[in-house]
Amino acid sequence: MSEQPIVHRAGFTDEFPVVYYDEFTPAKANGPPLVLLHGGAHTAACYLTTADGRPGWAYGLAGRGHRVIVPDWPGSGRSFWQ
């Protein structure tokens, strides 16, 4: 399957706990939506790029037709603890 254009949107949830997320939506979504959760020593940024600067898993999966949501756990990364 060929790669397709992706819309990248970022924001915060409206309810407690407030969580930062990145959302990647392909032009033509044809697969199930995916939520990528990071481990305790990481943030959601680990899915955005590789160590050598290439696009990460979030872009790769979205380019293959999946809507991808990548949140930061409350109190980590770009989410803040309330």
PDB file of N, CA and C in Angstrom:
ATOM      1  N   MET A   1       0.843  -1.179   0.000  1.00  0.00           N
ATOM      2  CA  MET A   1       0.000   0.000   0.000  1.00  0.00           C
ATOM      3  C   MET A   1       0.888   1.241   0.000  1.00  0.00           C
ATOM      4  N   SER A   2       0.535   2.214  -0.792  1.00  0.00           N
ATOM      5  CA  SER A   2       1.359   3.421  -0.886  1.00  0.00           C
ATOM      6  C   SER A   2       1.015   4.397   0.238  1.00  0.00           C
ATOM      7  N   GLU A   3       1.994   5.227   0.548  1.00  0.00           N
ATOM      8  CA  GLU A   3       1.795   6.249   1.580  1.00  0.00           C
ATOM      9  C   GLU A   3       0.807   7.295   1.071  1.00  0.00           C
ATOM     10  N   GLN A   4       0.088   7.931   1.978  1.00  0.00           N
ATOM     11  CA  GLN A   4      -0.887   8.953   1.614  1.00  0.00           C
ATOM     12  C   GLN A   4      -0.716  10.183   2.498  1.00  0.00           C
ATOM     13  N   PRO A   5      -1.300  11.327   2.090  1.00  0.00           N
ATOM     14  CA  PRO A   5      -1.189  12.546   2.905  1.00  0.00           C
ATOM     15  C   PRO A   5      -1.788  12.344   4.296  1.00  0.00           C
ATOM     16  N   ILE A   6      -1.165  12.986   5.288  1.00  0.00           N
ATOM     17  CA  ILE A   6      -1.576  12.842   6.681  1.00  0.00           C
ATOM     18  C   ILE A   6      -1.834  14.220   7.280  1.00  0.00           C
ATOM     19  N   VAL A   7      -2.929  14.345   8.030  1.00  0.00           N
ATOM     20  CA  VAL A   7      -3.221  15.561   8.782  1.00  0.00           C
ATOM     21  C   VAL A   7      -2.795  15.307  10.224  1.00  0.00           C
ATOM     22  N   HIS A   8      -1.888  16.156  10.749  1.00  0.00           N
ATOM     23  CA  HIS A   8      -1.398  16.035  12.123  1.00  0.00           C
ATOM     24  C   HIS A   8      -2.051  17.124  12.946  1.00  0.00           C
ATOM     25  N   ARG A   9      -2.751  16.711  13.987  1.00  0.00           N
ATOM     26  CA  ARG A   9      -3.423  17.639  14.885  1.00  0.00           C
ATOM     27  C   ARG A   9      -2.963  17.325  16.302  1.00  0.00           C
ATOM     28  N   ALA A  10      -2.793  18.331  17.125  1.00  0.00           N
ATOM     29  CA  ALA A  10      -2.382  18.133  18.512  1.00  0.00           C
ATOM     30  C   ALA A  10      -3.272  18.969  19.418  1.00  0.00           C
ATOM     31  N   GLY A  11      -3.446  18.500  20.647  1.00  0.00           N
ATOM     32  CA  GLY A  11      -4.262  19.265  21.569  1.00  0.00           C
ATOM     33  C   GLY A  11      -4.326  18.616  22.933  1.00  0.00           C
ATOM     34  N   PHE A  12      -5.247  19.118  23.754  1.00  0.00           N
ATOM     35  CA  PHE A  12      -5.467  18.615  25.097  1.00  0.00           C
ATOM     36  C   PHE A  12      -6.906  18.126  25.218  1.00  0.00           C
ATOM     37  N   THR A  13      -7.130  17.087  26.013  1.00  0.00           N
ATOM     38  CA  THR A  13      -8.484  16.632  26.267  1.00  0.00           C
ATOM     39  C   THR A  13      -9.231  17.687  27.068  1.00  0.00           C
ATOM     40  N   ASP A  14     -10.553  17.652  27.024  1.00  0.00           N
ATOM     41  CA  ASP A  14     -11.381  18.648  27.698  1.00  0.00           C
ATOM     42  C   ASP A  14     -11.723  18.290  29.136  1.00  0.00           C
ATOM     43  N   GLU A  15     -11.508  17.037  29.522  1.00  0.00           N
ATOM     44  CA  GLU A  15     -11.920  16.592  30.842  1.00  0.00           C
ATOM     45  C   GLU A  15     -10.723  16.167  31.688  1.00  0.00           C
ATOM     46  N   PHE A  16     -10.943  16.114  32.992  1.00  0.00           N
ATOM     47  CA  PHE A  16      -9.903  15.667  33.916  1.00  0.00           C
ATOM     48  C   PHE A  16      -9.698  14.172  33.762  1.00  0.00           C
ATOM     49  N   PRO A  17      -8.496  13.660  33.762  1.00  0.00           N
ATOM     50  CA  PRO A  17      -7.251  14.411  33.772  1.00  0.00           C
ATOM     51  C   PRO A  17      -6.956  14.977  32.391  1.00  0.00           C
ATOM     52  N   VAL A  18      -6.427  16.170  32.357  1.00  0.00           N
ATOM     53  CA  VAL A  18      -6.091  16.810  31.084  1.00  0.00           C
ATOM     54  C   VAL A  18      -4.866  16.111  30.501  1.00  0.00           C
ATOM     55  N   VAL A  19      -5.006  15.621  29.277  1.00  0.00           N
ATOM     56  CA  VAL A  19      -3.952  14.850  28.622  1.00  0.00           C
ATOM     57  C   VAL A  19      -3.649  15.473  27.266  1.00  0.00           C
ATOM     58  N   TYR A  20      -2.371  15.631  26.980  1.00  0.00           N
ATOM     59  CA  TYR A  20      -1.926  16.094  25.665  1.00  0.00           C
ATOM     60  C   TYR A  20      -1.922  14.897  24.717  1.00  0.00           C
ATOM     61  N   TYR A  21      -2.292  15.134  23.455  1.00  0.00           N
ATOM     62  CA  TYR A  21      -2.268  14.060  22.475  1.00  0.00           C
ATOM     63  C   TYR A  21      -1.894  14.595  21.098  1.00  0.00           C
ATOM     64  N   ASP A  22      -1.346  13.717  20.288  1.00  0.00           N
ATOM     65  CA  ASP A  22      -1.145  13.961  18.865  1.00  0.00           C
ATOM     66  C   ASP A  22      -2.086  13.025  18.132  1.00  0.00           C
ATOM     67  N   GLU A  23      -2.692  13.520  17.074  1.00  0.00           N
ATOM     68  CA  GLU A  23      -3.601  12.706  16.264  1.00  0.00           C
ATOM     69  C   GLU A  23      -3.175  12.800  14.802  1.00  0.00           C
ATOM     70  N   PHE A  24      -3.038  11.675  14.165  1.00  0.00           N
ATOM     71  CA  PHE A  24      -2.619  11.591  12.771  1.00  0.00           C
ATOM     72  C   PHE A  24      -3.749  10.945  11.981  1.00  0.00           C
ATOM     73  N   THR A  25      -4.326  11.703  11.041  1.00  0.00           N
ATOM     74  CA  THR A  25      -5.449  11.199  10.266  1.00  0.00           C
ATOM     75  C   THR A  25      -5.070  11.162   8.795  1.00  0.00           C
ATOM     76  N   PRO A  26      -5.106   9.971   8.180  1.00  0.00           N
ATOM     77  CA  PRO A  26      -4.780   9.869   6.762  1.00  0.00           C
ATOM     78  C   PRO A  26      -5.910  10.436   5.911  1.00  0.00           C
ATOM     79  N   ALA A  27      -5.578  10.819   4.682  1.00  0.00           N
ATOM     80  CA  ALA A  27      -6.581  11.361   3.766  1.00  0.00           C
ATOM     81  C   ALA A  27      -7.726  10.367   3.568  1.00  0.00           C
ATOM     82  N   LYS A  28      -7.399   9.098   3.455  1.00  0.00           N
ATOM     83  CA  LYS A  28      -8.419   8.053   3.305  1.00  0.00           C
ATOM     84  C   LYS A  28      -8.149   6.964   4.336  1.00  0.00           C
ATOM     85  N   ALA A  29      -8.820   7.069   5.477  1.00  0.00           N
ATOM     86  CA  ALA A  29      -8.642   6.057   6.521  1.00  0.00           C
ATOM     87  C   ALA A  29      -9.322   4.766   6.079  1.00  0.00           C
ATOM     88  N   ASN A  30      -8.568   3.670   6.059  1.00  0.00           N
ATOM     89  CA  ASN A  30      -9.137   2.391   5.641  1.00  0.00           C
ATOM     90  C   ASN A  30      -8.775   1.267   6.604  1.00  0.00           C
ATOM     91  N   GLY A  31      -8.197   1.601   7.733  1.00  0.00           N
ATOM     92  CA  GLY A  31      -7.857   0.602   8.741  1.00  0.00           C
ATOM     93  C   GLY A  31      -8.460   1.005  10.067  1.00  0.00           C
ATOM     94  N   PRO A  32      -8.396   0.122  11.055  1.00  0.00           N
ATOM     95  CA  PRO A  32      -8.937   0.484  12.366  1.00  0.00           C
ATOM     96  C   PRO A  32      -8.097   1.577  13.015  1.00  0.00           C
ATOM     97  N   PRO A  33      -8.715   2.421  13.854  1.00  0.00           N
ATOM     98  CA  PRO A  33      -7.932   3.435  14.570  1.00  0.00           C
ATOM     99  C   PRO A  33      -7.001   2.758  15.570  1.00  0.00           C
ATOM    100  N   LEU A  34      -5.846   3.372  15.797  1.00  0.00           N
ATOM    101  CA  LEU A  34      -4.848   2.822  16.709  1.00  0.00           C
ATOM    102  C   LEU A  34      -4.484   3.854  17.767  1.00  0.00           C
ATOM    103  N   VAL A  35      -4.323   3.415  19.007  1.00  0.00           N
ATOM    104  CA  VAL A  35      -3.840   4.258  20.096  1.00  0.00           C
ATOM    105  C   VAL A  35      -2.497   3.691  20.513  1.00  0.00           C
ATOM    106  N   LEU A  36      -1.439   4.495  20.413  1.00  0.00           N
ATOM    107  CA  LEU A  36      -0.092   4.063  20.781  1.00  0.00           C
ATOM    108  C   LEU A  36       0.237   4.623  22.157  1.00  0.00           C
ATOM    109  N   LEU A  37       0.480   3.741  23.121  1.00  0.00           N
ATOM    110  CA  LEU A  37       0.771   4.150  24.490  1.00  0.00           C
ATOM    111  C   LEU A  37       2.240   3.927  24.804  1.00  0.00           C
ATOM    112  N   HIS A  38       2.867   4.918  25.402  1.00  0.00           N
ATOM    113  CA  HIS A  38       4.285   4.825  25.742  1.00  0.00           C
ATOM    114  C   HIS A  38       4.471   4.174  27.101  1.00  0.00           C
ATOM    115  N   GLY A  39       5.675   3.730  27.359  1.00  0.00           N
ATOM    116  CA  GLY A  39       6.020   3.134  28.644  1.00  0.00           C
ATOM    117  C   GLY A  39       6.354   4.186  29.683  1.00  0.00           C
ATOM    118  N   GLY A  40       6.672   3.733  30.879  1.00  0.00           N
ATOM    119  CA  GLY A  40       6.886   4.628  32.001  1.00  0.00           C
ATOM    120  C   GLY A  40       8.080   5.553  31.873  1.00  0.00           C
ATOM    121  N   ALA A  41       9.102   5.153  31.152  1.00  0.00           N
ATOM    122  CA  ALA A  41      10.307   5.979  31.033  1.00  0.00           C
ATOM    123  C   ALA A  41      10.338   6.783  29.742  1.00  0.00           C
ATOM    124  N   HIS A  42       9.220   6.852  29.035  1.00  0.00           N
ATOM    125  CA  HIS A  42       9.157   7.548  27.749  1.00  0.00           C
ATOM    126  C   HIS A  42       8.032   8.571  27.751  1.00  0.00           C
ATOM    127  N   THR A  43       7.862   9.226  26.603  1.00  0.00           N
ATOM    128  CA  THR A  43       6.703  10.075  26.337  1.00  0.00           C
ATOM    129  C   THR A  43       6.173   9.678  24.970  1.00  0.00           C
ATOM    130  N   ALA A  44       5.060  10.260  24.575  1.00  0.00           N
ATOM    131  CA  ALA A  44       4.492   9.949  23.270  1.00  0.00           C
ATOM    132  C   ALA A  44       5.415  10.357  22.129  1.00  0.00           C
ATOM    133  N   ALA A  45       6.352  11.244  22.404  1.00  0.00           N
ATOM    134  CA  ALA A  45       7.289  11.686  21.366  1.00  0.00           C
ATOM    135  C   ALA A  45       8.110  10.531  20.803  1.00  0.00           C
ATOM    136  N   CYS A  46       8.199   9.422  21.546  1.00  0.00           N
ATOM    137  CA  CYS A  46       8.980   8.282  21.047  1.00  0.00           C
ATOM    138  C   CYS A  46       8.337   7.661  19.801  1.00  0.00           C
ATOM    139  N   TYR A  47       7.064   7.953  19.524  1.00  0.00           N
ATOM    140  CA  TYR A  47       6.397   7.438  18.327  1.00  0.00           C
ATOM    141  C   TYR A  47       6.430   8.424  17.159  1.00  0.00           C
ATOM    142  N   LEU A  48       6.964   9.622  17.385  1.00  0.00           N
ATOM    143  CA  LEU A  48       6.940  10.648  16.339  1.00  0.00           C
ATOM    144  C   LEU A  48       8.164  10.601  15.441  1.00  0.00           C
ATOM    145  N   THR A  49       9.331  10.317  16.000  1.00  0.00           N
ATOM    146  CA  THR A  49      10.560  10.230  15.203  1.00  0.00           C
ATOM    147  C   THR A  49      11.423   9.077  15.704  1.00  0.00           C
ATOM    148  N   THR A  50      12.334   8.650  14.846  1.00  0.00           N
ATOM    149  CA  THR A  50      13.300   7.635  15.246  1.00  0.00           C
ATOM    150  C   THR A  50      14.536   8.337  15.805  1.00  0.00           C
ATOM    151  N   ALA A  51      15.439   7.580  16.372  1.00  0.00           N
ATOM    152  CA  ALA A  51      16.653   8.155  16.953  1.00  0.00           C
ATOM    153  C   ALA A  51      17.507   8.878  15.915  1.00  0.00           C
ATOM    154  N   ASP A  52      17.405   8.464  14.654  1.00  0.00           N
ATOM    155  CA  ASP A  52      18.199   9.112  13.610  1.00  0.00           C
ATOM    156  C   ASP A  52      17.401  10.151  12.819  1.00  0.00           C
ATOM    157  N   GLY A  53      16.217  10.552  13.341  1.00  0.00           N
ATOM    158  CA  GLY A  53      15.471  11.663  12.758  1.00  0.00           C
ATOM    159  C   GLY A  53      14.438  11.323  11.700  1.00  0.00           C
ATOM    160  N   ARG A  54      14.268  10.052  11.393  1.00  0.00           N
ATOM    161  CA  ARG A  54      13.236   9.675  10.411  1.00  0.00           C
ATOM    162  C   ARG A  54      11.854   9.715  11.063  1.00  0.00           C
ATOM    163  N   PRO A  55      10.768   9.804  10.259  1.00  0.00           N
ATOM    164  CA  PRO A  55       9.416   9.747  10.832  1.00  0.00           C
ATOM    165  C   PRO A  55       9.217   8.424  11.582  1.00  0.00           C
ATOM    166  N   GLY A  56       8.532   8.498  12.709  1.00  0.00           N
ATOM    167  CA  GLY A  56       8.344   7.325  13.553  1.00  0.00           C
ATOM    168  C   GLY A  56       7.099   6.520  13.231  1.00  0.00           C
ATOM    169  N   TRP A  57       6.754   5.614  14.160  1.00  0.00           N
ATOM    170  CA  TRP A  57       5.635   4.696  13.980  1.00  0.00           C
ATOM    171  C   TRP A  57       4.320   5.418  13.694  1.00  0.00           C
ATOM    172  N   ALA A  58       4.047   6.521  14.351  1.00  0.00           N
ATOM    173  CA  ALA A  58       2.769   7.216  14.162  1.00  0.00           C
ATOM    174  C   ALA A  58       2.576   7.623  12.703  1.00  0.00           C
ATOM    175  N   TYR A  59       3.610   8.184  12.099  1.00  0.00           N
ATOM    176  CA  TYR A  59       3.517   8.588  10.695  1.00  0.00           C
ATOM    177  C   TYR A  59       3.424   7.374   9.772  1.00  0.00           C
ATOM    178  N   GLY A  60       4.193   6.342  10.070  1.00  0.00           N
ATOM    179  CA  GLY A  60       4.177   5.148   9.237  1.00  0.00           C
ATOM    180  C   GLY A  60       2.823   4.462   9.221  1.00  0.00           C
ATOM    181  N   LEU A  61       2.209   4.319  10.392  1.00  0.00           N
ATOM    182  CA  LEU A  61       0.900   3.665  10.475  1.00  0.00           C
ATOM    183  C   LEU A  61      -0.198   4.528   9.864  1.00  0.00           C
ATOM    184  N   ALA A  62      -0.139   5.829  10.074  1.00  0.00           N
ATOM    185  CA  ALA A  62      -1.130   6.725   9.466  1.00  0.00           C
ATOM    186  C   ALA A  62      -0.998   6.725   7.947  1.00  0.00           C
ATOM    187  N   GLY A  63       0.219   6.667   7.452  1.00  0.00           N
ATOM    188  CA  GLY A  63       0.437   6.634   6.013  1.00  0.00           C
ATOM    189  C   GLY A  63      -0.089   5.368   5.363  1.00  0.00           C
ATOM    190  N   ARG A  64      -0.357   4.365   6.168  1.00  0.00           N
ATOM    191  CA  ARG A  64      -0.903   3.110   5.659  1.00  0.00           C
ATOM    192  C   ARG A  64      -2.401   2.981   5.916  1.00  0.00           C
ATOM    193  N   GLY A  65      -3.040   4.097   6.318  1.00  0.00           N
ATOM    194  CA  GLY A  65      -4.494   4.119   6.394  1.00  0.00           C
ATOM    195  C   GLY A  65      -5.112   4.082   7.773  1.00  0.00           C
ATOM    196  N   HIS A  66      -4.313   4.117   8.832  1.00  0.00           N
ATOM    197  CA  HIS A  66      -4.858   4.081  10.188  1.00  0.00           C
ATOM    198  C   HIS A  66      -4.917   5.478  10.784  1.00  0.00           C
ATOM    199  N   ARG A  67      -6.015   5.805  11.444  1.00  0.00           N
ATOM    200  CA  ARG A  67      -6.045   7.009  12.280  1.00  0.00           C
ATOM    201  C   ARG A  67      -5.271   6.642  13.541  1.00  0.00           C
ATOM    202  N   VAL A  68      -4.286   7.454  13.909  1.00  0.00           N
ATOM    203  CA  VAL A  68      -3.395   7.133  15.032  1.00  0.00           C
ATOM    204  C   VAL A  68      -3.495   8.232  16.082  1.00  0.00           C
ATOM    205  N   ILE A  69      -3.706   7.827  17.331  1.00  0.00           N
ATOM    206  CA  ILE A  69      -3.758   8.760  18.448  1.00  0.00           C
ATOM    207  C   ILE A  69      -2.634   8.385  19.408  1.00  0.00           C
ATOM    208  N   VAL A  70      -1.831   9.392  19.778  1.00  0.00           N
ATOM    209  CA  VAL A  70      -0.660   9.155  20.628  1.00  0.00           C
ATOM    210  C   VAL A  70      -0.731  10.118  21.818  1.00  0.00           C
ATOM    211  N   PRO A  71      -1.230   9.642  22.976  1.00  0.00           N
ATOM    212  CA  PRO A  71      -1.320  10.521  24.152  1.00  0.00           C
ATOM    213  C   PRO A  71      -0.083  10.430  25.031  1.00  0.00           C
ATOM    214  N   ASP A  72       0.148  11.490  25.803  1.00  0.00           N
ATOM    215  CA  ASP A  72       1.112  11.460  26.899  1.00  0.00           C
ATOM    216  C   ASP A  72       0.326  11.111  28.163  1.00  0.00           C
ATOM    217  N   TRP A  73       0.849  10.224  28.995  1.00  0.00           N
ATOM    218  CA  TRP A  73       0.185   9.894  30.250  1.00  0.00           C
ATOM    219  C   TRP A  73       0.054  11.158  31.102  1.00  0.00           C
ATOM    220  N   PRO A  74      -0.973  11.256  31.951  1.00  0.00           N
ATOM    221  CA  PRO A  74      -1.078  12.406  32.852  1.00  0.00           C
ATOM    222  C   PRO A  74       0.196  12.548  33.691  1.00  0.00           C
ATOM    223  N   GLY A  75       0.722  13.741  33.753  1.00  0.00           N
ATOM    224  CA  GLY A  75       1.913  14.007  34.532  1.00  0.00           C
ATOM    225  C   GLY A  75       3.221  13.687  33.831  1.00  0.00           C
ATOM    226  N   SER A  76       3.170  13.295  32.563  1.00  0.00           N
ATOM    227  CA  SER A  76       4.412  13.028  31.832  1.00  0.00           C
ATOM    228  C   SER A  76       4.389  13.736  30.493  1.00  0.00           C
ATOM    229  N   GLY A  77       5.561  13.962  29.952  1.00  0.00           N
ATOM    230  CA  GLY A  77       5.658  14.607  28.643  1.00  0.00           C
ATOM    231  C   GLY A  77       4.987  15.955  28.624  1.00  0.00           C
ATOM    232  N   ARG A  78       4.142  16.168  27.646  1.00  0.00           N
ATOM    233  CA  ARG A  78       3.464  17.459  27.474  1.00  0.00           C
ATOM    234  C   ARG A  78       2.174  17.554  28.249  1.00  0.00           C
ATOM    235  N   SER A  79       1.736  16.466  28.880  1.00  0.00           N
ATOM    236  CA  SER A  79       0.585  16.521  29.799  1.00  0.00           C
ATOM    237  C   SER A  79       1.098  17.062  31.121  1.00  0.00           C
ATOM    238  N   PHE A  80       0.237  17.626  31.887  1.00  0.00           N
ATOM    239  CA  PHE A  80       0.671  18.170  33.173  1.00  0.00           C
ATOM    240  C   PHE A  80      -0.140  17.547  34.293  1.00  0.00           C
ATOM    241  N   TRP A  81       0.433  17.525  35.458  1.00  0.00           N
ATOM    242  CA  TRP A  81      -0.214  16.927  36.609  1.00  0.00           C
ATOM    243  C   TRP A  81      -1.075  17.963  37.293  1.00  0.00           C
ATOM    244  N   GLN A  82      -2.322  17.592  37.583  1.00  0.00           N
ATOM    245  CA  GLN A  82      -3.237  18.532  38.229  1.00  0.00           C
ATOM    246  C   GLN A  82      -3.552  18.103  39.627  1.00  0.00           C
TER     247      GLN A  82
END
